[in-house]
Amino acid sequence: MKIDIGLNENQRNEIVQGLSHLLADTYGLYLKTHNYHWNVTGQMFQTLHTMFETQYTELAMAVDEIAERIRTLGAFAPGSYSEFSKLSQIKEAHGRLNAKEMVSDLVHGHEIIIKNAKEIITSIEKAKDEASLDLLTQRIQMHEKRAWMLRSILED
């Protein structure tokens, strides 16, 4: 059935492309945060273990929201590791990181998503896609807050 929501096919495709990258980045950060939750050690263990759990839980819900927006726009959401690895700028951590390295790596991941989400906004605003704009605004706010909280841990 034809989709008639005030966005033409080209607009929807352009927005879907950006949201697919956001989905892949968010999933990559989710996996990384969950990994760090399991493997953090040191004096900050309890604080970071709890914080990472809060963050990966929120990221898991965000993955679902982004994928559902892609489906709403008439496309299939990417959902495999191979698709995500092609689309994401969030790279896997290699080796065993200490707690500060984990926190720093997560700050970097949130900042990547913030910058990429802001790039998507131009095409969304041009298409007057308020629903996608609302989603992106909420995602940016959350990632900025998480990056701030994590950066605060690194201050002496």
Protein backbone atom coordinates (compact mmCIF):
# COMPACT_ATOMS: atom_id res chain seq x y z
CA MET A 1 0.00 0.00 0.00
CA LYS A 2 1.29 3.48 -0.84
CA ILE A 3 2.60 5.54 2.06
CA ASP A 4 0.98 8.97 2.20
CA ILE A 5 2.31 10.77 5.27
CA GLY A 6 3.40 14.05 3.65
CA LEU A 7 6.89 12.84 2.71
CA ASN A 8 7.77 11.74 -0.79
CA GLU A 9 9.76 8.58 -1.44
CA ASN A 10 13.06 10.41 -1.93
CA GLN A 11 12.63 12.29 1.35
CA ARG A 12 11.76 9.10 3.19
CA ASN A 13 14.75 7.27 1.69
CA GLU A 14 17.16 10.05 2.66
CA ILE A 15 15.84 10.12 6.22
CA VAL A 16 15.91 6.31 6.45
CA GLN A 17 19.56 6.33 5.37
CA GLY A 18 20.47 8.70 8.20
CA LEU A 19 18.35 6.83 10.74
CA SER A 20 19.95 3.53 9.68
CA HIS A 21 23.38 4.96 10.53
CA LEU A 22 22.00 6.23 13.84
CA LEU A 23 20.54 2.80 14.55
CA ALA A 24 23.85 1.07 13.84
CA ASP A 25 25.81 3.55 15.97
CA THR A 26 23.31 3.22 18.82
CA TYR A 27 23.45 -0.57 18.69
CA GLY A 28 27.25 -0.49 18.65
CA LEU A 29 27.32 1.78 21.69
CA TYR A 30 24.74 -0.45 23.40
CA LEU A 31 26.97 -3.50 22.91
CA LYS A 32 30.07 -1.67 24.08
CA THR A 33 28.32 -0.28 27.17
CA HIS A 34 26.93 -3.71 28.06
CA ASN A 35 30.39 -5.24 27.65
CA TYR A 36 31.89 -2.61 29.96
CA HIS A 37 29.12 -3.24 32.50
CA TRP A 38 30.18 -6.89 32.66
CA ASN A 39 33.93 -6.27 32.70
CA VAL A 40 34.59 -3.08 34.66
CA THR A 41 36.91 -3.46 37.66
CA GLY A 42 38.60 -1.22 40.20
CA GLN A 43 37.66 1.32 42.84
CA MET A 44 34.77 2.70 40.78
CA PHE A 45 33.32 -0.76 40.09
CA GLN A 46 29.94 -0.36 41.81
CA THR A 47 29.31 3.16 40.51
CA LEU A 48 30.30 2.33 36.92
CA HIS A 49 28.62 -1.08 36.91
CA THR A 50 25.33 0.57 37.90
CA MET A 51 25.78 3.56 35.57
CA PHE A 52 26.62 1.34 32.60
CA GLU A 53 23.52 -0.78 33.26
CA THR A 54 21.31 2.33 33.26
CA GLN A 55 22.92 3.48 30.04
CA TYR A 56 22.76 0.20 28.11
CA THR A 57 19.12 -0.25 29.14
CA GLU A 58 18.28 3.19 27.77
CA LEU A 59 20.23 2.47 24.57
CA ALA A 60 18.33 -0.79 24.07
CA MET A 61 15.04 1.12 24.17
CA ALA A 62 16.46 3.73 21.77
CA VAL A 63 17.42 1.01 19.27
CA ASP A 64 13.80 -0.09 19.19
CA GLU A 65 12.47 3.46 18.76
CA ILE A 66 14.85 4.21 15.89
CA ALA A 67 14.10 0.91 14.12
CA GLU A 68 10.36 1.50 14.47
CA ARG A 69 10.71 4.99 12.97
CA ILE A 70 12.53 3.44 9.99
CA ARG A 71 9.66 0.97 9.58
CA THR A 72 7.13 3.81 9.87
CA LEU A 73 8.86 5.48 6.93
CA GLY A 74 8.32 2.34 4.84
CA ALA A 75 11.78 0.76 4.94
CA PHE A 76 13.21 -2.30 6.62
CA ALA A 77 15.55 -1.55 9.51
CA PRO A 78 19.06 -3.01 9.32
CA GLY A 79 19.41 -5.69 11.96
CA SER A 80 22.49 -7.81 11.40
CA TYR A 81 26.06 -7.45 12.64
CA SER A 82 27.32 -7.21 9.06
CA GLU A 83 24.88 -4.39 8.23
CA PHE A 84 25.68 -2.58 11.46
CA SER A 85 29.43 -2.86 10.93
CA LYS A 86 29.09 -1.25 7.49
CA LEU A 87 26.89 1.58 8.79
CA SER A 88 28.40 2.35 12.20
CA GLN A 89 31.22 4.65 13.17
CA ILE A 90 31.31 3.08 16.64
CA LYS A 91 34.19 0.63 16.58
CA GLU A 92 34.77 -2.33 18.86
CA ALA A 93 37.26 -1.93 21.68
CA HIS A 94 40.16 -4.33 21.52
CA GLY A 95 42.02 -5.65 24.51
CA ARG A 96 41.17 -5.21 28.15
CA LEU A 97 40.49 -1.61 29.10
CA ASN A 98 40.70 -0.18 32.59
CA ALA A 99 37.74 1.73 34.03
CA LYS A 100 38.97 5.18 32.93
CA GLU A 101 39.64 3.93 29.41
CA MET A 102 36.13 2.48 29.28
CA VAL A 103 34.59 5.75 30.39
CA SER A 104 36.67 7.73 27.90
CA ASP A 105 35.73 5.34 25.10
CA LEU A 106 32.04 5.70 25.91
CA VAL A 107 32.32 9.50 25.93
CA HIS A 108 33.82 9.27 22.46
CA GLY A 109 30.98 6.98 21.32
CA HIS A 110 28.30 9.35 22.58
CA GLU A 111 30.03 12.28 20.89
CA ILE A 112 30.15 10.41 17.56
CA ILE A 113 26.40 9.81 17.77
CA ILE A 114 25.71 13.44 18.70
CA LYS A 115 27.62 14.77 15.69
CA ASN A 116 26.08 12.24 13.29
CA ALA A 117 22.56 12.90 14.58
CA LYS A 118 23.02 16.64 14.05
CA GLU A 119 24.00 15.99 10.43
CA ILE A 120 20.76 14.07 9.83
CA ILE A 121 18.65 16.94 11.13
CA THR A 122 19.19 19.06 7.99
CA SER A 123 17.38 16.62 5.69
CA ILE A 124 14.70 16.00 8.32
CA GLU A 125 13.98 19.71 8.74
CA LYS A 126 13.96 20.23 4.95
CA ALA A 127 11.34 17.46 4.61
CA LYS A 128 9.33 18.86 7.56
CA ASP A 129 9.37 15.43 9.21
CA GLU A 130 8.47 16.51 12.73
CA ALA A 131 8.26 12.97 14.12
CA SER A 132 11.82 12.12 13.06
CA LEU A 133 13.00 15.54 14.24
CA ASP A 134 11.47 14.90 17.67
CA LEU A 135 13.20 11.51 17.84
CA LEU A 136 16.57 13.02 16.87
CA THR A 137 16.20 15.89 19.34
CA GLN A 138 15.52 13.44 22.16
CA ARG A 139 18.46 11.25 21.12
CA ILE A 140 20.85 14.21 21.00
CA GLN A 141 19.73 15.42 24.43
CA MET A 142 20.23 11.98 25.95
CA HIS A 143 23.68 11.48 24.40
CA GLU A 144 24.84 14.95 25.43
CA LYS A 145 23.73 14.25 29.01
CA ARG A 146 25.41 10.83 29.08
CA ALA A 147 28.65 12.26 27.64
CA TRP A 148 28.63 15.01 30.29
CA MET A 149 28.06 12.51 33.11
CA LEU A 150 30.85 10.25 31.86
CA ARG A 151 33.27 13.17 31.32
CA SER A 152 32.59 14.27 34.89
CA ILE A 153 33.92 10.96 36.17
CA LEU A 154 37.25 11.62 34.45
CA GLU A 155 37.76 14.99 36.15
CA ASP A 156 40.04 15.11 39.17
